Amino acid sequence: MVRRPLAAALTTALLGSGLFLAAAPVAGAAPATPAAAASVAQALATPRVFKNCTELNKVYKHGVGRKGARDKVTGKSKPVTTFKVDTATYNANKKSDGDKDGIACEKR
């Protein structure tokens, strides 16, 4: 008797008997619905570049920062922690990070 790996033996048995398994969705495959396709396209889109902090704060109320960023503060004021963490958008708007703490346009 020839010893075969289990996967090869099962494949031969299933194909020989006429049984076929339905393919499961593959991660990264094209979405099935137009709404899902739109959300995938939006996620892969280039991050938006804002003209200034006023424009950025209309979309991101407390600013946008890169992962791991911490707000620099002086005195008794507390750091902003409610900013949106989005490294790609932060990198596109890095010019708006005046104190270079990794958060653009932070505000309470």
N, C-alpha and C. Protein backbone atom coordinates (compact mmCIF):
# COMPACT_ATOMS: atom_id res chain seq x y z
N MET A 1 0.84 -1.18 0.00
CA MET A 1 0.00 0.00 0.00
C MET A 1 0.89 1.24 0.00
N VAL A 2 0.54 2.22 -0.84
CA VAL A 2 1.28 3.46 -0.94
C VAL A 2 0.68 4.46 0.03
N ARG A 3 1.52 5.11 0.82
CA ARG A 3 1.03 6.10 1.78
C ARG A 3 1.01 7.46 1.11
N ARG A 4 -0.14 8.10 1.11
CA ARG A 4 -0.29 9.44 0.54
C ARG A 4 -0.66 10.42 1.64
N PRO A 5 -0.30 11.67 1.43
CA PRO A 5 -0.75 12.68 2.40
C PRO A 5 -2.27 12.71 2.47
N LEU A 6 -2.78 13.06 3.60
CA LEU A 6 -4.22 13.08 3.84
C LEU A 6 -4.96 13.96 2.84
N ALA A 7 -4.45 15.15 2.54
CA ALA A 7 -5.14 16.05 1.62
C ALA A 7 -5.27 15.43 0.24
N ALA A 8 -4.23 14.78 -0.25
CA ALA A 8 -4.28 14.15 -1.57
C ALA A 8 -5.28 13.00 -1.56
N ALA A 9 -5.31 12.23 -0.49
CA ALA A 9 -6.24 11.11 -0.39
C ALA A 9 -7.68 11.60 -0.37
N LEU A 10 -7.95 12.65 0.38
CA LEU A 10 -9.31 13.20 0.44
C LEU A 10 -9.73 13.79 -0.89
N THR A 11 -8.82 14.49 -1.56
CA THR A 11 -9.13 15.07 -2.87
C THR A 11 -9.50 13.97 -3.85
N THR A 12 -8.72 12.92 -3.88
CA THR A 12 -8.99 11.80 -4.78
C THR A 12 -10.33 11.17 -4.45
N ALA A 13 -10.61 10.97 -3.17
CA ALA A 13 -11.86 10.35 -2.75
C ALA A 13 -13.06 11.22 -3.12
N LEU A 14 -12.97 12.52 -2.90
CA LEU A 14 -14.08 13.42 -3.20
C LEU A 14 -14.32 13.54 -4.69
N LEU A 15 -13.26 13.70 -5.46
CA LEU A 15 -13.42 13.83 -6.90
C LEU A 15 -13.89 12.53 -7.52
N GLY A 16 -13.41 11.43 -7.02
CA GLY A 16 -13.80 10.12 -7.54
C GLY A 16 -15.25 9.80 -7.25
N SER A 17 -15.78 10.31 -6.15
CA SER A 17 -17.16 10.01 -5.78
C SER A 17 -18.15 11.00 -6.37
N GLY A 18 -17.65 12.06 -7.00
CA GLY A 18 -18.55 13.04 -7.61
C GLY A 18 -18.99 14.13 -6.65
N LEU A 19 -18.44 14.17 -5.45
CA LEU A 19 -18.79 15.21 -4.48
C LEU A 19 -17.89 16.42 -4.69
N PHE A 20 -18.49 17.59 -4.65
CA PHE A 20 -17.71 18.82 -4.80
C PHE A 20 -18.10 19.76 -3.67
N LEU A 21 -17.15 20.49 -3.19
CA LEU A 21 -17.39 21.45 -2.12
C LEU A 21 -17.54 22.84 -2.71
N ALA A 22 -18.45 23.63 -2.15
CA ALA A 22 -18.61 25.02 -2.60
C ALA A 22 -17.42 25.82 -2.10
N ALA A 23 -16.95 26.70 -2.94
CA ALA A 23 -15.79 27.53 -2.57
C ALA A 23 -16.23 28.62 -1.60
N ALA A 24 -15.49 28.80 -0.55
CA ALA A 24 -15.75 29.87 0.41
C ALA A 24 -15.14 31.16 -0.10
N PRO A 25 -15.70 32.31 0.29
CA PRO A 25 -15.13 33.59 -0.14
C PRO A 25 -13.68 33.71 0.32
N VAL A 26 -12.86 34.25 -0.52
CA VAL A 26 -11.44 34.40 -0.22
C VAL A 26 -11.19 35.84 0.22
N ALA A 27 -10.41 36.00 1.27
CA ALA A 27 -10.06 37.34 1.74
C ALA A 27 -9.34 38.09 0.63
N GLY A 28 -9.76 39.32 0.38
CA GLY A 28 -9.14 40.12 -0.67
C GLY A 28 -9.81 39.94 -2.02
N ALA A 29 -10.80 39.04 -2.10
CA ALA A 29 -11.51 38.84 -3.36
C ALA A 29 -12.50 39.98 -3.58
N ALA A 30 -12.98 40.13 -4.79
CA ALA A 30 -13.91 41.20 -5.12
C ALA A 30 -15.20 41.05 -4.33
N PRO A 31 -15.74 42.12 -3.76
CA PRO A 31 -16.98 42.07 -3.00
C PRO A 31 -18.17 41.71 -3.89
N ALA A 32 -19.18 41.10 -3.28
CA ALA A 32 -20.33 40.63 -4.04
C ALA A 32 -21.35 41.73 -4.35
N THR A 33 -21.43 42.77 -3.54
CA THR A 33 -22.44 43.80 -3.74
C THR A 33 -21.80 45.13 -4.12
N PRO A 34 -22.55 45.98 -4.83
CA PRO A 34 -22.01 47.30 -5.18
C PRO A 34 -21.66 48.15 -3.95
N ALA A 35 -22.46 48.04 -2.88
CA ALA A 35 -22.17 48.81 -1.67
C ALA A 35 -20.85 48.38 -1.05
N ALA A 36 -20.62 47.07 -1.03
CA ALA A 36 -19.35 46.56 -0.49
C ALA A 36 -18.20 46.99 -1.38
N ALA A 37 -18.42 46.99 -2.68
CA ALA A 37 -17.37 47.42 -3.62
C ALA A 37 -17.01 48.88 -3.39
N ALA A 38 -18.02 49.71 -3.12
CA ALA A 38 -17.78 51.13 -2.88
C ALA A 38 -16.97 51.33 -1.60
N SER A 39 -17.29 50.56 -0.56
CA SER A 39 -16.56 50.72 0.70
C SER A 39 -15.11 50.25 0.55
N VAL A 40 -14.88 49.21 -0.24
CA VAL A 40 -13.51 48.74 -0.48
C VAL A 40 -12.75 49.80 -1.26
N ALA A 41 -13.38 50.39 -2.27
CA ALA A 41 -12.73 51.42 -3.08
C ALA A 41 -12.39 52.63 -2.21
N GLN A 42 -13.30 53.00 -1.31
CA GLN A 42 -13.06 54.14 -0.43
C GLN A 42 -11.89 53.85 0.52
N ALA A 43 -11.82 52.63 1.02
CA ALA A 43 -10.74 52.27 1.93
C ALA A 43 -9.38 52.28 1.24
N LEU A 44 -9.37 51.95 -0.05
CA LEU A 44 -8.12 51.92 -0.79
C LEU A 44 -7.77 53.26 -1.42
N ALA A 45 -8.69 54.22 -1.33
CA ALA A 45 -8.48 55.52 -1.96
C ALA A 45 -7.36 56.30 -1.28
N THR A 46 -6.82 57.25 -2.01
CA THR A 46 -5.79 58.13 -1.48
C THR A 46 -6.39 59.00 -0.38
N PRO A 47 -5.69 59.20 0.73
CA PRO A 47 -6.24 60.03 1.81
C PRO A 47 -6.43 61.48 1.35
N ARG A 48 -7.44 62.12 1.89
CA ARG A 48 -7.79 63.48 1.51
C ARG A 48 -6.81 64.48 2.11
N VAL A 49 -6.40 65.44 1.30
CA VAL A 49 -5.53 66.52 1.75
C VAL A 49 -6.42 67.74 2.01
N PHE A 50 -6.38 68.27 3.22
CA PHE A 50 -7.20 69.42 3.59
C PHE A 50 -6.39 70.70 3.43
N LYS A 51 -7.09 71.77 3.06
CA LYS A 51 -6.45 73.06 2.84
C LYS A 51 -5.90 73.65 4.14
N ASN A 52 -6.67 73.48 5.23
CA ASN A 52 -6.26 74.05 6.52
C ASN A 52 -6.97 73.30 7.65
N CYS A 53 -6.70 73.69 8.88
CA CYS A 53 -7.30 73.01 10.03
C CYS A 53 -8.81 73.20 10.11
N THR A 54 -9.30 74.34 9.66
CA THR A 54 -10.75 74.56 9.68
C THR A 54 -11.45 73.50 8.84
N GLU A 55 -10.92 73.22 7.66
CA GLU A 55 -11.50 72.20 6.79
C GLU A 55 -11.34 70.81 7.40
N LEU A 56 -10.17 70.50 7.94
CA LEU A 56 -9.93 69.19 8.54
C LEU A 56 -10.84 68.96 9.73
N ASN A 57 -11.03 69.99 10.58
CA ASN A 57 -11.87 69.84 11.76
C ASN A 57 -13.35 69.72 11.44
N LYS A 58 -13.78 70.07 10.25
CA LYS A 58 -15.17 69.83 9.85
C LYS A 58 -15.42 68.33 9.70
N VAL A 59 -14.39 67.59 9.29
CA VAL A 59 -14.52 66.14 9.11
C VAL A 59 -14.05 65.39 10.35
N TYR A 60 -12.92 65.81 10.91
CA TYR A 60 -12.34 65.19 12.10
C TYR A 60 -12.35 66.23 13.22
N LYS A 61 -13.41 66.21 14.03
CA LYS A 61 -13.66 67.26 15.03
C LYS A 61 -12.47 67.53 15.95
N HIS A 62 -11.76 66.47 16.37
CA HIS A 62 -10.66 66.64 17.33
C HIS A 62 -9.29 66.48 16.68
N GLY A 63 -9.24 66.48 15.37
CA GLY A 63 -7.98 66.33 14.66
C GLY A 63 -7.74 64.90 14.22
N VAL A 64 -6.61 64.69 13.58
CA VAL A 64 -6.25 63.36 13.09
C VAL A 64 -4.78 63.12 13.41
N GLY A 65 -4.47 61.92 13.86
CA GLY A 65 -3.09 61.63 14.25
C GLY A 65 -2.63 60.27 13.79
N ARG A 66 -1.33 60.07 13.88
CA ARG A 66 -0.78 58.77 13.51
C ARG A 66 -0.88 57.83 14.71
N LYS A 67 -0.75 56.56 14.46
CA LYS A 67 -0.83 55.56 15.52
C LYS A 67 0.29 55.81 16.53
N GLY A 68 -0.06 55.79 17.80
CA GLY A 68 0.92 55.98 18.86
C GLY A 68 1.20 57.43 19.22
N ALA A 69 0.51 58.37 18.58
CA ALA A 69 0.75 59.80 18.85
C ALA A 69 0.19 60.19 20.21
N ARG A 70 0.87 61.16 20.85
CA ARG A 70 0.41 61.72 22.13
C ARG A 70 0.46 63.22 22.03
N ASP A 71 -0.59 63.87 22.47
CA ASP A 71 -0.69 65.33 22.41
C ASP A 71 0.29 65.97 23.38
N LYS A 72 1.07 66.93 22.87
CA LYS A 72 1.99 67.71 23.72
C LYS A 72 1.21 68.85 24.35
N VAL A 73 1.27 68.96 25.65
CA VAL A 73 0.59 70.06 26.34
C VAL A 73 1.54 70.69 27.35
N THR A 74 1.24 71.93 27.70
CA THR A 74 2.00 72.62 28.74
C THR A 74 1.02 73.14 29.78
N GLY A 75 1.47 73.32 30.97
CA GLY A 75 0.61 73.85 32.02
C GLY A 75 -0.39 72.84 32.51
N LYS A 76 -1.59 73.33 32.87
CA LYS A 76 -2.61 72.49 33.44
C LYS A 76 -3.55 71.86 32.42
N SER A 77 -3.41 72.22 31.16
CA SER A 77 -4.33 71.68 30.16
C SER A 77 -4.10 70.18 29.97
N LYS A 78 -5.18 69.47 29.69
CA LYS A 78 -5.11 68.02 29.50
C LYS A 78 -4.92 67.71 28.02
N PRO A 79 -4.20 66.64 27.71
CA PRO A 79 -3.97 66.30 26.30
C PRO A 79 -5.25 65.82 25.61
N VAL A 80 -5.34 66.11 24.32
CA VAL A 80 -6.46 65.62 23.51
C VAL A 80 -6.22 64.14 23.25
N THR A 81 -7.22 63.32 23.53
CA THR A 81 -7.09 61.88 23.29
C THR A 81 -8.18 61.37 22.35
N THR A 82 -9.07 62.27 21.92
CA THR A 82 -10.22 61.85 21.11
C THR A 82 -10.01 62.07 19.62
N PHE A 83 -8.77 62.31 19.21
CA PHE A 83 -8.51 62.52 17.78
C PHE A 83 -8.67 61.20 17.02
N LYS A 84 -8.91 61.29 15.73
CA LYS A 84 -9.04 60.12 14.87
C LYS A 84 -7.64 59.58 14.57
N VAL A 85 -7.43 58.29 14.81
CA VAL A 85 -6.14 57.66 14.50
C VAL A 85 -6.21 57.15 13.07
N ASP A 86 -5.47 57.82 12.19
CA ASP A 86 -5.43 57.46 10.76
C ASP A 86 -4.10 57.96 10.21
N THR A 87 -3.13 57.08 10.18
CA THR A 87 -1.77 57.47 9.80
C THR A 87 -1.70 58.01 8.38
N ALA A 88 -2.44 57.42 7.45
CA ALA A 88 -2.39 57.88 6.05
C ALA A 88 -2.92 59.30 5.93
N THR A 89 -4.03 59.61 6.59
CA THR A 89 -4.59 60.96 6.54
C THR A 89 -3.67 61.94 7.27
N TYR A 90 -3.09 61.51 8.38
CA TYR A 90 -2.14 62.38 9.08
C TYR A 90 -0.96 62.71 8.17
N ASN A 91 -0.39 61.70 7.52
CA ASN A 91 0.76 61.93 6.64
C ASN A 91 0.42 62.88 5.50
N ALA A 92 -0.81 62.81 5.00
CA ALA A 92 -1.24 63.71 3.91
C ALA A 92 -1.42 65.14 4.41
N ASN A 93 -1.62 65.32 5.71
CA ASN A 93 -1.87 66.65 6.29
C ASN A 93 -0.85 67.00 7.36
N LYS A 94 0.34 66.46 7.26
CA LYS A 94 1.40 66.68 8.24
C LYS A 94 1.76 68.15 8.40
N LYS A 95 1.56 68.93 7.34
CA LYS A 95 1.86 70.37 7.38
C LYS A 95 1.02 71.09 8.44
N SER A 96 -0.10 70.50 8.85
CA SER A 96 -0.99 71.13 9.83
C SER A 96 -0.66 70.74 11.27
N ASP A 97 0.43 70.01 11.47
CA ASP A 97 0.85 69.62 12.82
C ASP A 97 1.91 70.60 13.30
N GLY A 98 1.45 71.71 13.87
CA GLY A 98 2.35 72.78 14.27
C GLY A 98 3.34 72.40 15.35
N ASP A 99 2.95 71.58 16.32
CA ASP A 99 3.86 71.23 17.42
C ASP A 99 4.57 69.90 17.19
N LYS A 100 4.38 69.30 16.04
CA LYS A 100 5.09 68.07 15.64
C LYS A 100 4.94 66.93 16.65
N ASP A 101 3.72 66.78 17.19
CA ASP A 101 3.48 65.71 18.16
C ASP A 101 2.79 64.50 17.55
N GLY A 102 2.56 64.53 16.25
CA GLY A 102 1.92 63.40 15.59
C GLY A 102 0.42 63.54 15.46
N ILE A 103 -0.12 64.70 15.84
CA ILE A 103 -1.56 64.96 15.73
C ILE A 103 -1.74 66.27 14.99
N ALA A 104 -2.44 66.23 13.87
CA ALA A 104 -2.69 67.44 13.08
C ALA A 104 -4.01 68.05 13.51
N CYS A 105 -4.01 69.34 13.74
CA CYS A 105 -5.23 70.12 14.04
C CYS A 105 -5.97 69.64 15.28
N GLU A 106 -5.23 69.21 16.31
CA GLU A 106 -5.91 68.74 17.52
C GLU A 106 -6.64 69.88 18.20
N LYS A 107 -7.82 69.56 18.70
CA LYS A 107 -8.59 70.55 19.46
C LYS A 107 -9.59 69.83 20.34
N ARG A 108 -9.89 70.44 21.47
CA ARG A 108 -10.83 69.84 22.43
C ARG A 108 -12.20 69.77 21.89
